[in-house]
PDB file of all heavy atoms in Angstrom:
ATOM      1  N   GLU A   1       0.829  -1.236   0.047  1.00  0.00           N
ATOM      2  CA  GLU A   1       0.003  -0.051  -0.049  1.00  0.00           C
ATOM      3  C   GLU A   1       0.922   1.243   0.026  1.00  0.00           C
ATOM      4  O   GLU A   1       0.537   2.228  -0.665  1.00  0.00           O
ATOM      5  CB  GLU A   1      -1.005  -0.006   1.177  1.00  0.00           C
ATOM      6  CG  GLU A   1      -2.007  -1.067   1.093  1.00  0.00           C
ATOM      7  CD  GLU A   1      -2.881  -0.965  -0.145  1.00  0.00           C
ATOM      8  OE1 GLU A   1      -3.244   0.200  -0.410  1.00  0.00           O
ATOM      9  OE2 GLU A   1      -3.205  -1.855  -0.707  1.00  0.00           O
ATOM     10  N   LEU A   2       1.953   1.254   0.857  1.00  0.00           N
ATOM     11  CA  LEU A   2       2.829   2.357   0.849  1.00  0.00           C
ATOM     12  C   LEU A   2       3.549   2.551  -0.482  1.00  0.00           C
ATOM     13  O   LEU A   2       3.730   3.620  -1.015  1.00  0.00           O
ATOM     14  CB  LEU A   2       3.887   2.179   1.945  1.00  0.00           C
ATOM     15  CG  LEU A   2       4.828   3.443   2.339  1.00  0.00           C
ATOM     16  CD1 LEU A   2       3.860   4.599   2.630  1.00  0.00           C
ATOM     17  CD2 LEU A   2       5.662   3.031   3.450  1.00  0.00           C
ATOM     18  N   SER A   3       3.891   1.451  -1.069  1.00  0.00           N
ATOM     19  CA  SER A   3       4.457   1.456  -2.433  1.00  0.00           C
ATOM     20  C   SER A   3       3.513   2.018  -3.431  1.00  0.00           C
ATOM     21  O   SER A   3       3.974   2.862  -4.288  1.00  0.00           O
ATOM     22  CB  SER A   3       4.991   0.051  -2.812  1.00  0.00           C
ATOM     23  OG  SER A   3       5.550   0.007  -4.082  1.00  0.00           O
ATOM     24  N   LYS A   4       2.294   1.756  -3.345  1.00  0.00           N
ATOM     25  CA  LYS A   4       1.263   2.253  -4.288  1.00  0.00           C
ATOM     26  C   LYS A   4       1.204   3.745  -4.052  1.00  0.00           C
ATOM     27  O   LYS A   4       1.115   4.568  -5.079  1.00  0.00           O
ATOM     28  CB  LYS A   4      -0.088   1.646  -4.047  1.00  0.00           C
ATOM     29  CG  LYS A   4      -0.209   0.243  -4.550  1.00  0.00           C
ATOM     30  CD  LYS A   4      -1.627  -0.197  -4.308  1.00  0.00           C
ATOM     31  CE  LYS A   4      -1.860  -1.652  -4.892  1.00  0.00           C
ATOM     32  NZ  LYS A   4      -3.259  -2.170  -4.660  1.00  0.00           N
ATOM     33  N   ALA A   5       1.284   4.196  -2.806  1.00  0.00           N
ATOM     34  CA  ALA A   5       1.220   5.619  -2.573  1.00  0.00           C
ATOM     35  C   ALA A   5       2.409   6.387  -3.229  1.00  0.00           C
ATOM     36  O   ALA A   5       2.251   7.319  -3.894  1.00  0.00           O
ATOM     37  CB  ALA A   5       1.192   5.918  -1.054  1.00  0.00           C
ATOM     38  N   TYR A   6       3.632   5.807  -3.041  1.00  0.00           N
ATOM     39  CA  TYR A   6       4.825   6.356  -3.582  1.00  0.00           C
ATOM     40  C   TYR A   6       4.686   6.360  -5.065  1.00  0.00           C
ATOM     41  O   TYR A   6       5.109   7.282  -5.768  1.00  0.00           O
ATOM     42  CB  TYR A   6       6.012   5.624  -3.142  1.00  0.00           C
ATOM     43  CG  TYR A   6       6.487   5.890  -1.718  1.00  0.00           C
ATOM     44  CD1 TYR A   6       6.734   4.996  -0.847  1.00  0.00           C
ATOM     45  CD2 TYR A   6       6.732   7.315  -1.324  1.00  0.00           C
ATOM     46  CE1 TYR A   6       7.157   5.210   0.479  1.00  0.00           C
ATOM     47  CE2 TYR A   6       7.028   7.445   0.052  1.00  0.00           C
ATOM     48  CZ  TYR A   6       7.320   6.498   0.895  1.00  0.00           C
ATOM     49  OH  TYR A   6       7.861   6.800   2.157  1.00  0.00           O
ATOM     50  N   THR A   7       4.209   5.168  -5.660  1.00  0.00           N
ATOM     51  CA  THR A   7       4.039   5.111  -7.097  1.00  0.00           C
ATOM     52  C   THR A   7       3.160   6.180  -7.703  1.00  0.00           C
ATOM     53  O   THR A   7       3.414   6.913  -8.632  1.00  0.00           O
ATOM     54  CB  THR A   7       3.546   3.635  -7.497  1.00  0.00           C
ATOM     55  OG1 THR A   7       4.555   2.815  -7.021  1.00  0.00           O
ATOM     56  CG2 THR A   7       3.384   3.596  -9.035  1.00  0.00           C
ATOM     57  N   ASN A   8       1.937   6.349  -7.001  1.00  0.00           N
ATOM     58  CA  ASN A   8       0.963   7.270  -7.492  1.00  0.00           C
ATOM     59  C   ASN A   8       1.526   8.754  -7.330  1.00  0.00           C
ATOM     60  O   ASN A   8       1.346   9.562  -8.184  1.00  0.00           O
ATOM     61  CB  ASN A   8      -0.289   7.233  -6.678  1.00  0.00           C
ATOM     62  CG  ASN A   8      -1.009   5.870  -6.839  1.00  0.00           C
ATOM     63  OD1 ASN A   8      -0.862   5.323  -7.943  1.00  0.00           O
ATOM     64  ND2 ASN A   8      -1.742   5.412  -5.957  1.00  0.00           N
ATOM     65  N   LYS A   9       2.296   9.015  -6.322  1.00  0.00           N
ATOM     66  CA  LYS A   9       3.015  10.306  -6.115  1.00  0.00           C
ATOM     67  C   LYS A   9       3.925  10.537  -7.202  1.00  0.00           C
ATOM     68  O   LYS A   9       3.946  11.666  -7.744  1.00  0.00           O
ATOM     69  CB  LYS A   9       3.579  10.335  -4.750  1.00  0.00           C
ATOM     70  CG  LYS A   9       4.296  11.743  -4.372  1.00  0.00           C
ATOM     71  CD  LYS A   9       4.791  11.716  -3.003  1.00  0.00           C
ATOM     72  CE  LYS A   9       5.425  13.008  -2.581  1.00  0.00           C
ATOM     73  NZ  LYS A   9       6.667  13.252  -3.437  1.00  0.00           N
ATOM     74  N   GLU A  10       4.684   9.476  -7.470  1.00  0.00           N
ATOM     75  CA  GLU A  10       5.792   9.718  -8.558  1.00  0.00           C
ATOM     76  C   GLU A  10       5.086   9.910  -9.922  1.00  0.00           C
ATOM     77  O   GLU A  10       5.535  10.813 -10.674  1.00  0.00           O
ATOM     78  CB  GLU A  10       6.616   8.477  -8.579  1.00  0.00           C
ATOM     79  CG  GLU A  10       7.592   8.395  -9.691  1.00  0.00           C
ATOM     80  CD  GLU A  10       8.863   9.325  -9.473  1.00  0.00           C
ATOM     81  OE1 GLU A  10       8.842   9.933  -8.294  1.00  0.00           O
ATOM     82  OE2 GLU A  10       9.650   9.521 -10.347  1.00  0.00           O
ATOM     83  N   ILE A  11       3.988   9.188 -10.228  1.00  0.00           N
ATOM     84  CA  ILE A  11       3.303   9.367 -11.492  1.00  0.00           C
ATOM     85  C   ILE A  11       2.811  10.805 -11.572  1.00  0.00           C
ATOM     86  O   ILE A  11       2.871  11.546 -12.637  1.00  0.00           O
ATOM     87  CB  ILE A  11       2.250   8.309 -11.635  1.00  0.00           C
ATOM     88  CG1 ILE A  11       2.844   6.932 -11.825  1.00  0.00           C
ATOM     89  CG2 ILE A  11       1.318   8.694 -12.782  1.00  0.00           C
ATOM     90  CD1 ILE A  11       1.775   5.742 -11.851  1.00  0.00           C
ATOM     91  N   ALA A  12       2.144  11.247 -10.422  1.00  0.00           N
ATOM     92  CA  ALA A  12       1.648  12.636 -10.504  1.00  0.00           C
ATOM     93  C   ALA A  12       2.662  13.639 -10.703  1.00  0.00           C
ATOM     94  O   ALA A  12       2.515  14.654 -11.443  1.00  0.00           O
ATOM     95  CB  ALA A  12       0.908  12.837  -9.074  1.00  0.00           C
ATOM     96  N   GLU A  13       3.819  13.494 -10.048  1.00  0.00           N
ATOM     97  CA  GLU A  13       4.933  14.452 -10.247  1.00  0.00           C
ATOM     98  C   GLU A  13       5.517  14.411 -11.668  1.00  0.00           C
ATOM     99  O   GLU A  13       5.791  15.487 -12.228  1.00  0.00           O
ATOM    100  CB  GLU A  13       6.064  14.224  -9.191  1.00  0.00           C
ATOM    101  CG  GLU A  13       5.691  14.550  -7.814  1.00  0.00           C
ATOM    102  CD  GLU A  13       6.825  14.166  -6.892  1.00  0.00           C
ATOM    103  OE1 GLU A  13       7.807  13.596  -7.200  1.00  0.00           O
ATOM    104  OE2 GLU A  13       6.688  14.630  -5.570  1.00  0.00           O
ATOM    105  N   ASP A  14       5.564  13.208 -12.158  1.00  0.00           N
ATOM    106  CA  ASP A  14       6.051  13.078 -13.533  1.00  0.00           C
ATOM    107  C   ASP A  14       5.093  13.785 -14.535  1.00  0.00           C
ATOM    108  O   ASP A  14       5.497  14.515 -15.496  1.00  0.00           O
ATOM    109  CB  ASP A  14       6.221  11.752 -13.940  1.00  0.00           C
ATOM    110  CG  ASP A  14       7.371  11.006 -13.182  1.00  0.00           C
ATOM    111  OD1 ASP A  14       8.214  11.822 -12.617  1.00  0.00           O
ATOM    112  OD2 ASP A  14       7.400   9.773 -13.036  1.00  0.00           O
ATOM    113  N   VAL A  15       3.788  13.522 -14.329  1.00  0.00           N
ATOM    114  CA  VAL A  15       2.811  14.200 -15.270  1.00  0.00           C
ATOM    115  C   VAL A  15       2.985  15.756 -15.148  1.00  0.00           C
ATOM    116  O   VAL A  15       2.937  16.402 -16.206  1.00  0.00           O
ATOM    117  CB  VAL A  15       1.404  13.779 -14.820  1.00  0.00           C
ATOM    118  CG1 VAL A  15       0.373  14.568 -15.544  1.00  0.00           C
ATOM    119  CG2 VAL A  15       1.176  12.344 -15.089  1.00  0.00           C
ATOM    120  N   GLU A  16       3.093  16.253 -13.949  1.00  0.00           N
ATOM    121  CA  GLU A  16       3.228  17.737 -13.815  1.00  0.00           C
ATOM    122  C   GLU A  16       4.526  18.234 -14.603  1.00  0.00           C
ATOM    123  O   GLU A  16       4.491  19.213 -15.270  1.00  0.00           O
ATOM    124  CB  GLU A  16       3.327  18.048 -12.327  1.00  0.00           C
ATOM    125  CG  GLU A  16       3.572  19.564 -12.140  1.00  0.00           C
ATOM    126  CD  GLU A  16       3.680  19.915 -10.589  1.00  0.00           C
ATOM    127  OE1 GLU A  16       3.606  18.933  -9.783  1.00  0.00           O
ATOM    128  OE2 GLU A  16       3.889  21.077 -10.332  1.00  0.00           O
ATOM    129  N   ALA A  17       5.652  17.509 -14.382  1.00  0.00           N
ATOM    130  CA  ALA A  17       6.933  17.850 -15.009  1.00  0.00           C
ATOM    131  C   ALA A  17       6.798  17.695 -16.535  1.00  0.00           C
ATOM    132  O   ALA A  17       7.293  18.518 -17.267  1.00  0.00           O
ATOM    133  CB  ALA A  17       8.055  16.991 -14.476  1.00  0.00           C
ATOM    134  N   PHE A  18       6.220  16.650 -16.983  1.00  0.00           N
ATOM    135  CA  PHE A  18       6.071  16.410 -18.440  1.00  0.00           C
ATOM    136  C   PHE A  18       5.209  17.572 -19.082  1.00  0.00           C
ATOM    137  O   PHE A  18       5.442  17.982 -20.153  1.00  0.00           O
ATOM    138  CB  PHE A  18       5.390  15.138 -18.747  1.00  0.00           C
ATOM    139  CG  PHE A  18       6.315  13.940 -18.697  1.00  0.00           C
ATOM    140  CD1 PHE A  18       6.165  12.865 -17.955  1.00  0.00           C
ATOM    141  CD2 PHE A  18       7.401  13.941 -19.625  1.00  0.00           C
ATOM    142  CE1 PHE A  18       7.014  11.793 -17.934  1.00  0.00           C
ATOM    143  CE2 PHE A  18       8.256  12.859 -19.640  1.00  0.00           C
ATOM    144  CZ  PHE A  18       8.068  11.812 -18.762  1.00  0.00           C
ATOM    145  N   THR A  19       4.227  18.092 -18.390  1.00  0.00           N
ATOM    146  CA  THR A  19       3.365  19.151 -18.890  1.00  0.00           C
ATOM    147  C   THR A  19       4.265  20.370 -19.165  1.00  0.00           C
ATOM    148  O   THR A  19       4.044  21.101 -20.195  1.00  0.00           O
ATOM    149  CB  THR A  19       2.382  19.481 -17.839  1.00  0.00           C
ATOM    150  OG1 THR A  19       1.503  18.246 -17.649  1.00  0.00           O
ATOM    151  CG2 THR A  19       1.412  20.533 -18.474  1.00  0.00           C
ATOM    152  N   LYS A  20       5.272  20.666 -18.262  1.00  0.00           N
ATOM    153  CA  LYS A  20       6.154  21.920 -18.404  1.00  0.00           C
ATOM    154  C   LYS A  20       6.956  21.800 -19.716  1.00  0.00           C
ATOM    155  O   LYS A  20       7.317  22.732 -20.310  1.00  0.00           O
ATOM    156  CB  LYS A  20       7.037  22.045 -17.266  1.00  0.00           C
ATOM    157  CG  LYS A  20       6.220  22.292 -15.916  1.00  0.00           C
ATOM    158  CD  LYS A  20       7.187  22.415 -14.735  1.00  0.00           C
ATOM    159  CE  LYS A  20       6.424  22.616 -13.495  1.00  0.00           C
ATOM    160  NZ  LYS A  20       7.287  22.670 -12.245  1.00  0.00           N
ATOM    161  N   LEU A  21       7.452  20.570 -20.091  1.00  0.00           N
ATOM    162  CA  LEU A  21       8.342  20.462 -21.242  1.00  0.00           C
ATOM    163  C   LEU A  21       7.750  19.486 -22.212  1.00  0.00           C
ATOM    164  O   LEU A  21       8.492  18.572 -22.654  1.00  0.00           O
ATOM    165  CB  LEU A  21       9.696  19.996 -20.756  1.00  0.00           C
ATOM    166  CG  LEU A  21      10.499  20.980 -19.842  1.00  0.00           C
ATOM    167  CD1 LEU A  21      11.757  20.271 -19.318  1.00  0.00           C
ATOM    168  CD2 LEU A  21      10.847  22.194 -20.537  1.00  0.00           C
ATOM    169  N   LYS A  22       6.442  19.691 -22.512  1.00  0.00           N
ATOM    170  CA  LYS A  22       5.762  18.637 -23.326  1.00  0.00           C
ATOM    171  C   LYS A  22       6.394  18.418 -24.686  1.00  0.00           C
ATOM    172  O   LYS A  22       6.546  17.330 -25.067  1.00  0.00           O
ATOM    173  CB  LYS A  22       4.334  19.150 -23.526  1.00  0.00           C
ATOM    174  CG  LYS A  22       3.392  18.162 -24.219  1.00  0.00           C
ATOM    175  CD  LYS A  22       1.948  18.715 -24.351  1.00  0.00           C
ATOM    176  CE  LYS A  22       1.113  17.742 -25.010  1.00  0.00           C
ATOM    177  NZ  LYS A  22      -0.225  18.273 -25.047  1.00  0.00           N
ATOM    178  N   GLU A  23       6.798  19.453 -25.304  1.00  0.00           N
ATOM    179  CA  GLU A  23       7.354  19.243 -26.745  1.00  0.00           C
ATOM    180  C   GLU A  23       8.589  18.390 -26.627  1.00  0.00           C
ATOM    181  O   GLU A  23       8.870  17.534 -27.563  1.00  0.00           O
ATOM    182  CB  GLU A  23       7.725  20.669 -27.345  1.00  0.00           C
ATOM    183  CG  GLU A  23       6.445  21.421 -27.690  1.00  0.00           C
ATOM    184  CD  GLU A  23       6.847  22.792 -28.366  1.00  0.00           C
ATOM    185  OE1 GLU A  23       8.018  22.938 -28.629  1.00  0.00           O
ATOM    186  OE2 GLU A  23       5.934  23.552 -28.720  1.00  0.00           O
ATOM    187  N   SER A  24       9.467  18.609 -25.652  1.00  0.00           N
ATOM    188  CA  SER A  24      10.735  17.840 -25.606  1.00  0.00           C
ATOM    189  C   SER A  24      10.626  16.430 -25.208  1.00  0.00           C
ATOM    190  O   SER A  24      11.382  15.539 -25.538  1.00  0.00           O
ATOM    191  CB  SER A  24      11.706  18.555 -24.660  1.00  0.00           C
ATOM    192  OG  SER A  24      11.930  19.935 -25.162  1.00  0.00           O
ATOM    193  N   VAL A  25       9.618  16.065 -24.229  1.00  0.00           N
ATOM    194  CA  VAL A  25       9.628  14.819 -23.696  1.00  0.00           C
ATOM    195  C   VAL A  25       8.386  14.065 -23.959  1.00  0.00           C
ATOM    196  O   VAL A  25       8.125  13.008 -23.315  1.00  0.00           O
ATOM    197  CB  VAL A  25       9.723  14.908 -22.161  1.00  0.00           C
ATOM    198  CG1 VAL A  25      11.104  15.592 -21.811  1.00  0.00           C
ATOM    199  CG2 VAL A  25       8.545  15.784 -21.456  1.00  0.00           C
ATOM    200  N   GLU A  26       7.540  14.522 -24.928  1.00  0.00           N
ATOM    201  CA  GLU A  26       6.276  13.842 -25.175  1.00  0.00           C
ATOM    202  C   GLU A  26       6.413  12.375 -25.561  1.00  0.00           C
ATOM    203  O   GLU A  26       5.702  11.544 -25.141  1.00  0.00           O
ATOM    204  CB  GLU A  26       5.523  14.612 -26.336  1.00  0.00           C
ATOM    205  CG  GLU A  26       4.095  14.204 -26.493  1.00  0.00           C
ATOM    206  CD  GLU A  26       3.492  15.131 -27.471  1.00  0.00           C
ATOM    207  OE1 GLU A  26       4.028  15.505 -28.506  1.00  0.00           O
ATOM    208  OE2 GLU A  26       2.318  15.500 -27.222  1.00  0.00           O
ATOM    209  N   LYS A  27       7.413  12.051 -26.370  1.00  0.00           N
ATOM    210  CA  LYS A  27       7.656  10.754 -26.849  1.00  0.00           C
ATOM    211  C   LYS A  27       8.070   9.806 -25.690  1.00  0.00           C
ATOM    212  O   LYS A  27       8.087   8.519 -25.737  1.00  0.00           O
ATOM    213  CB  LYS A  27       8.592  10.688 -27.907  1.00  0.00           C
ATOM    214  CG  LYS A  27      10.078  11.167 -27.572  1.00  0.00           C
ATOM    215  CD  LYS A  27      10.960  11.089 -28.795  1.00  0.00           C
ATOM    216  CE  LYS A  27      12.404  11.601 -28.487  1.00  0.00           C
ATOM    217  NZ  LYS A  27      13.280  11.504 -29.629  1.00  0.00           N
ATOM    218  N   TYR A  28       8.601  10.381 -24.507  1.00  0.00           N
ATOM    219  CA  TYR A  28       9.075   9.538 -23.417  1.00  0.00           C
ATOM    220  C   TYR A  28       7.973   9.333 -22.371  1.00  0.00           C
ATOM    221  O   TYR A  28       8.212   8.516 -21.448  1.00  0.00           O
ATOM    222  CB  TYR A  28      10.314  10.184 -22.769  1.00  0.00           C
ATOM    223  CG  TYR A  28      11.435  10.389 -23.687  1.00  0.00           C
ATOM    224  CD1 TYR A  28      11.853  11.590 -24.140  1.00  0.00           C
ATOM    225  CD2 TYR A  28      12.249   9.299 -24.135  1.00  0.00           C
ATOM    226  CE1 TYR A  28      12.898  11.828 -24.968  1.00  0.00           C
ATOM    227  CE2 TYR A  28      13.278   9.450 -25.037  1.00  0.00           C
ATOM    228  CZ  TYR A  28      13.615  10.705 -25.372  1.00  0.00           C
ATOM    229  OH  TYR A  28      14.629  10.891 -26.283  1.00  0.00           O
TER     230      TYR A  28
END
């Protein structure tokens, strides 16, 4: 459960970061 929480948090942070540099990292 804790691992899921960390995973969900990581995914959320990545989504936010990808939005800032969408053109450069969209394919990744």
